[in-house]
Protein backbone atom coordinates (compact mmCIF):
# COMPACT_ATOMS: atom_id res chain seq x y z
CA MET A 1 15.08 -19.82 9.54
CA LYS A 2 12.84 -20.95 12.40
CA VAL A 3 11.60 -18.06 14.49
CA VAL A 4 9.49 -18.71 17.58
CA VAL A 5 7.19 -15.83 18.53
CA ILE A 6 6.18 -15.97 22.19
CA GLY A 7 2.81 -14.27 22.31
CA GLY A 8 2.47 -14.97 18.61
CA THR A 9 -1.34 -14.96 18.61
CA GLY A 10 -1.68 -11.46 20.10
CA LEU A 11 -2.03 -8.00 18.55
CA ILE A 12 1.62 -7.53 17.56
CA GLY A 13 2.59 -11.21 17.54
CA SER A 14 0.10 -12.23 14.87
CA LYS A 15 1.31 -9.37 12.65
CA VAL A 16 4.95 -10.37 13.16
CA VAL A 17 4.22 -14.01 12.31
CA ARG A 18 2.58 -12.98 9.02
CA ARG A 19 5.51 -10.77 8.06
CA LEU A 20 8.07 -13.47 8.76
CA GLU A 21 6.08 -16.03 6.76
CA VAL A 22 5.84 -13.68 3.78
CA HIS A 23 9.64 -13.51 3.74
CA GLY A 24 10.00 -17.28 3.76
CA HIS A 25 10.79 -17.92 7.40
CA LYS A 26 9.25 -20.66 9.52
CA ALA A 27 7.40 -18.57 12.08
CA VAL A 28 5.85 -20.43 15.01
CA ALA A 29 3.23 -18.70 17.13
CA ALA A 30 3.79 -19.82 20.73
CA ALA A 31 1.05 -19.01 23.24
CA PRO A 32 -1.07 -20.80 25.85
CA ASN A 33 -3.70 -21.54 23.20
CA THR A 34 -1.05 -23.28 21.08
CA GLY A 35 0.27 -25.32 24.02
CA VAL A 36 3.15 -23.06 25.07
CA ASN A 37 3.05 -21.24 28.39
CA SER A 38 6.10 -19.16 29.25
CA LEU A 39 4.89 -18.58 32.82
CA THR A 40 4.75 -22.29 33.67
CA GLY A 41 7.37 -23.39 31.14
CA GLU A 42 4.92 -25.76 29.44
CA GLY A 43 5.91 -26.56 25.85
CA LEU A 44 8.96 -24.30 25.71
CA ASP A 45 11.59 -27.00 25.22
CA GLU A 46 9.60 -28.61 22.42
CA VAL A 47 8.77 -25.44 20.50
CA LEU A 48 12.31 -24.05 20.70
CA THR A 49 13.92 -27.14 19.18
CA GLY A 50 15.71 -26.00 16.03
CA ALA A 51 14.87 -22.31 16.55
CA SER A 52 17.40 -19.67 15.51
CA VAL A 53 15.52 -16.69 16.93
CA VAL A 54 13.00 -16.15 19.72
CA ILE A 55 10.83 -13.03 19.77
CA ASP A 56 9.24 -12.44 23.17
CA LEU A 57 5.98 -10.48 22.90
CA SER A 58 4.35 -12.05 25.94
CA ASN A 59 2.30 -9.96 28.34
CA SER A 60 1.02 -10.33 31.87
CA PRO A 61 -2.64 -11.22 32.35
CA SER A 62 -2.67 -8.85 35.35
CA PHE A 63 -1.35 -5.28 35.45
CA GLU A 64 -1.24 -5.14 39.26
CA ASP A 65 2.27 -4.04 40.24
CA GLN A 66 3.50 -7.20 41.95
CA ALA A 67 1.69 -9.57 39.58
CA VAL A 68 3.19 -8.01 36.46
CA LEU A 69 6.68 -7.98 38.01
CA ASP A 70 6.36 -11.64 38.97
CA PHE A 71 5.11 -12.49 35.48
CA PHE A 72 8.00 -10.92 33.58
CA ARG A 73 10.65 -12.24 35.96
CA THR A 74 9.32 -15.79 35.86
CA ALA A 75 8.30 -16.00 32.21
CA THR A 76 11.49 -14.37 30.94
CA SER A 77 13.66 -16.63 33.09
CA ASN A 78 11.84 -19.69 31.74
CA VAL A 79 12.23 -18.58 28.11
CA LEU A 80 15.92 -17.74 28.48
CA ALA A 81 16.66 -21.07 30.19
CA ALA A 82 14.92 -22.97 27.39
CA GLU A 83 16.79 -20.91 24.78
CA LYS A 84 20.13 -21.87 26.31
CA LYS A 85 19.22 -25.56 26.15
CA ALA A 86 18.11 -25.20 22.53
CA GLY A 87 21.09 -23.13 21.43
CA VAL A 88 19.03 -20.17 20.27
CA GLY A 89 21.29 -17.45 18.89
CA HIS A 90 19.12 -14.32 19.08
CA HIS A 91 16.59 -13.16 21.66
CA VAL A 92 14.35 -10.25 20.67
CA ALA A 93 12.04 -8.53 23.15
CA LEU A 94 9.55 -5.72 22.75
CA SER A 95 9.66 -3.12 25.50
CA ILE A 96 8.62 0.50 26.05
CA VAL A 97 10.30 3.80 25.27
CA GLY A 98 11.17 5.57 28.50
CA THR A 99 10.93 2.70 30.97
CA GLU A 100 13.98 3.98 32.83
CA ARG A 101 12.53 7.51 33.00
CA SER A 102 9.28 6.44 34.71
CA PRO A 103 10.15 3.72 37.24
CA GLN A 104 7.23 4.93 39.38
CA ILE A 105 4.95 3.04 36.96
CA GLY A 106 4.70 -0.58 38.07
CA TYR A 107 4.47 -1.98 34.54
CA PHE A 108 7.60 -0.05 33.53
CA ARG A 109 9.49 -1.46 36.54
CA ALA A 110 8.51 -4.94 35.41
CA LYS A 111 9.80 -4.31 31.89
CA ILE A 112 13.07 -2.99 33.34
CA ALA A 113 13.42 -6.23 35.31
CA GLN A 114 12.76 -8.21 32.13
CA GLU A 115 15.43 -6.33 30.21
CA GLU A 116 17.99 -6.81 32.99
CA LEU A 117 17.47 -10.58 32.81
CA ILE A 118 17.91 -10.55 29.03
CA GLU A 119 21.06 -8.44 29.17
CA ALA A 120 22.61 -10.70 31.83
CA SER A 121 21.68 -13.97 30.08
CA GLY A 122 24.69 -14.24 27.79
CA ILE A 123 22.37 -14.84 24.82
CA PRO A 124 22.81 -12.33 21.95
CA PHE A 125 19.81 -10.00 22.09
CA SER A 126 17.96 -7.05 20.62
CA LEU A 127 15.53 -4.83 22.52
CA VAL A 128 12.89 -2.91 20.59
CA HIS A 129 11.55 0.01 22.63
CA ALA A 130 8.24 1.27 21.22
CA THR A 131 6.07 4.23 22.14
CA GLN A 132 2.37 3.75 22.90
CA PHE A 133 0.26 2.03 20.21
CA PHE A 134 -2.57 3.71 18.31
CA GLU A 135 -4.65 0.64 19.15
CA PHE A 136 -4.72 1.58 22.85
CA VAL A 137 -5.71 5.24 22.50
CA LYS A 138 -9.36 4.67 23.40
CA ALA A 139 -8.44 2.46 26.37
CA ILE A 140 -6.10 5.13 27.71
CA ALA A 141 -8.85 7.73 27.38
CA ASP A 142 -11.22 5.41 29.23
CA THR A 143 -8.81 5.05 32.16
CA SER A 144 -8.17 8.81 32.23
CA VAL A 145 -11.78 9.79 32.94
CA VAL A 146 -12.30 11.73 36.18
CA ASP A 147 -15.65 13.35 36.94
CA GLY A 148 -16.86 12.68 33.42
CA VAL A 149 -13.98 14.30 31.52
CA VAL A 150 -10.76 12.87 30.07
CA ARG A 151 -7.85 14.38 32.01
CA ILE A 152 -4.52 14.28 30.16
CA GLN A 153 -1.06 15.66 30.95
CA PRO A 154 0.49 18.23 28.55
CA VAL A 155 3.63 16.13 27.93
CA ASP A 156 5.25 14.94 24.70
CA PHE A 157 3.51 12.02 23.01
CA GLN A 158 4.46 10.11 19.84
CA PRO A 159 2.31 6.99 19.45
CA ILE A 160 2.84 4.38 16.75
CA ALA A 161 0.70 1.99 14.70
CA GLY A 162 0.85 -1.70 15.56
CA ASP A 163 1.70 -2.45 11.93
CA ASP A 164 4.79 -0.23 12.14
CA VAL A 165 5.82 -1.97 15.37
CA ALA A 166 5.46 -5.38 13.72
CA ASP A 167 7.52 -4.26 10.72
CA GLN A 168 10.42 -3.20 12.93
CA VAL A 169 10.28 -6.22 15.24
CA ALA A 170 10.35 -8.60 12.27
CA LYS A 171 13.20 -6.67 10.64
CA VAL A 172 15.29 -6.70 13.81
CA ALA A 173 14.61 -10.39 14.38
CA VAL A 174 16.09 -11.53 11.07
CA GLY A 175 19.12 -9.25 11.38
CA GLU A 176 22.24 -9.58 13.47
CA PRO A 177 21.72 -9.21 17.24
CA LEU A 178 22.13 -5.59 18.34
CA ASN A 179 23.13 -6.41 21.93
CA ALA A 180 21.51 -3.04 22.53
CA ARG A 181 18.16 -1.39 22.06
CA VAL A 182 16.49 0.52 19.26
CA ASP A 183 13.74 3.07 19.89
CA ILE A 184 10.75 3.22 17.53
CA ALA A 185 7.99 5.83 17.48
CA GLY A 186 5.23 7.21 15.31
CA PRO A 187 5.95 9.83 12.63
CA ASP A 188 4.26 12.69 14.52
CA LYS A 189 5.03 14.18 17.94
CA SER A 190 2.62 16.43 19.78
CA ARG A 191 1.46 17.22 23.29
CA MET A 192 -0.48 14.33 24.74
CA ASP A 193 -3.51 16.43 25.67
CA GLU A 194 -3.67 17.91 22.16
CA PHE A 195 -3.28 14.48 20.60
CA PHE A 196 -6.18 13.03 22.60
CA ARG A 197 -8.39 16.01 21.80
CA LYS A 198 -7.92 15.39 18.07
CA ALA A 199 -7.88 11.61 18.34
CA LEU A 200 -11.18 11.38 20.17
CA ALA A 201 -12.75 13.78 17.67
CA GLU A 202 -11.58 11.55 14.82
CA LEU A 203 -13.15 8.58 16.62
CA ASN A 204 -16.41 10.57 16.96
CA ASP A 205 -15.98 10.34 20.73
CA PRO A 206 -17.73 13.38 22.27
CA ARG A 207 -15.90 13.32 25.60
CA GLU A 208 -14.15 16.52 26.67
CA VAL A 209 -10.36 16.38 27.07
CA VAL A 210 -9.08 18.57 29.90
CA THR A 211 -5.42 19.57 30.17
CA ASP A 212 -4.22 18.60 33.64
CA PRO A 213 -0.52 18.67 34.64
CA GLU A 214 -1.37 16.34 37.54
CA ALA A 215 -3.28 13.78 35.48
CA GLN A 216 -1.97 10.23 35.77
CA TYR A 217 -0.71 7.95 33.02
CA TYR A 218 -0.98 4.31 34.12
CA GLY A 219 -1.17 5.46 37.72
CA ALA A 220 1.60 8.05 37.72
CA VAL A 221 2.42 11.63 36.73
CA VAL A 222 5.22 11.50 34.14
CA SER A 223 7.90 13.98 33.08
CA GLU A 224 7.85 16.04 29.87
CA ASP A 225 9.95 13.60 27.82
CA ALA A 226 9.05 10.34 29.59
CA LEU A 227 7.02 8.82 26.76
CA VAL A 228 9.06 9.75 23.67
CA PRO A 229 12.54 8.93 22.34
CA THR A 230 15.19 11.40 23.48
CA GLY A 231 17.85 10.25 21.00
CA ASP A 232 17.92 8.46 17.66
CA ALA A 233 14.75 6.59 16.77
CA VAL A 234 13.21 4.73 13.86
CA LEU A 235 9.97 6.44 12.89
CA GLY A 236 6.89 4.66 11.60
CA ARG A 237 5.19 5.51 8.31
CA ILE A 238 1.54 5.50 9.39
CA HIS A 239 -0.06 8.73 10.64
CA TYR A 240 -2.87 8.48 13.20
CA ALA A 241 -5.45 10.20 10.98
CA ASP A 242 -4.74 7.69 8.19
CA TRP A 243 -4.85 4.78 10.62
CA VAL A 244 -8.29 5.83 11.87
CA LYS A 245 -9.62 5.95 8.29
CA GLN A 246 -8.36 2.42 7.63
């Protein structure tokens, strides 16, 4: 089976490509550095020829509210149009747990717009909603610094390892289209402030973590359950403490 992975050279994409190849599929990493640009449409028709599945893991180069919205609307529309021409039978996209519960976050609004295009396309689809990745913990801490301390909300948090995300995306891609979404999360849920306190300690990061109900997450204060699954979810196998040691 030929599977085209848009964003196939990135953090999750490269892991997904390897997993598909191990299981005997023809996985093609499609990205600007391989001659495929979903934003301009360059190379899409050629790379999708003969593809059964497309996995869209693309991401905006800018996280500014309007820029990221424009990116996902344009790039997703281009990919879906090329899929229709190529007769692709399954579109898989990676999104975020809780997008609909935090529309005040610009990036989440952009992902909602992307999902609406996919659902309206008529192409059989599967949406994988993941919680935050372990790989971005330090970056989140960096953006949460105010007056020299890391300020974090005391809300539920259940991050997941990139390897667990890749496992689930690859598994969904080679299965029957869900025409729905599946939520995936890490094996452990805690308060976000408590998680960051322990996580930074395990990274030997000396910065103080301060509990602040008004702290912002990607530019917004979020609700108690905004960042975790509220119903059924597939849980990863990798615990943060083990991931850090690896």
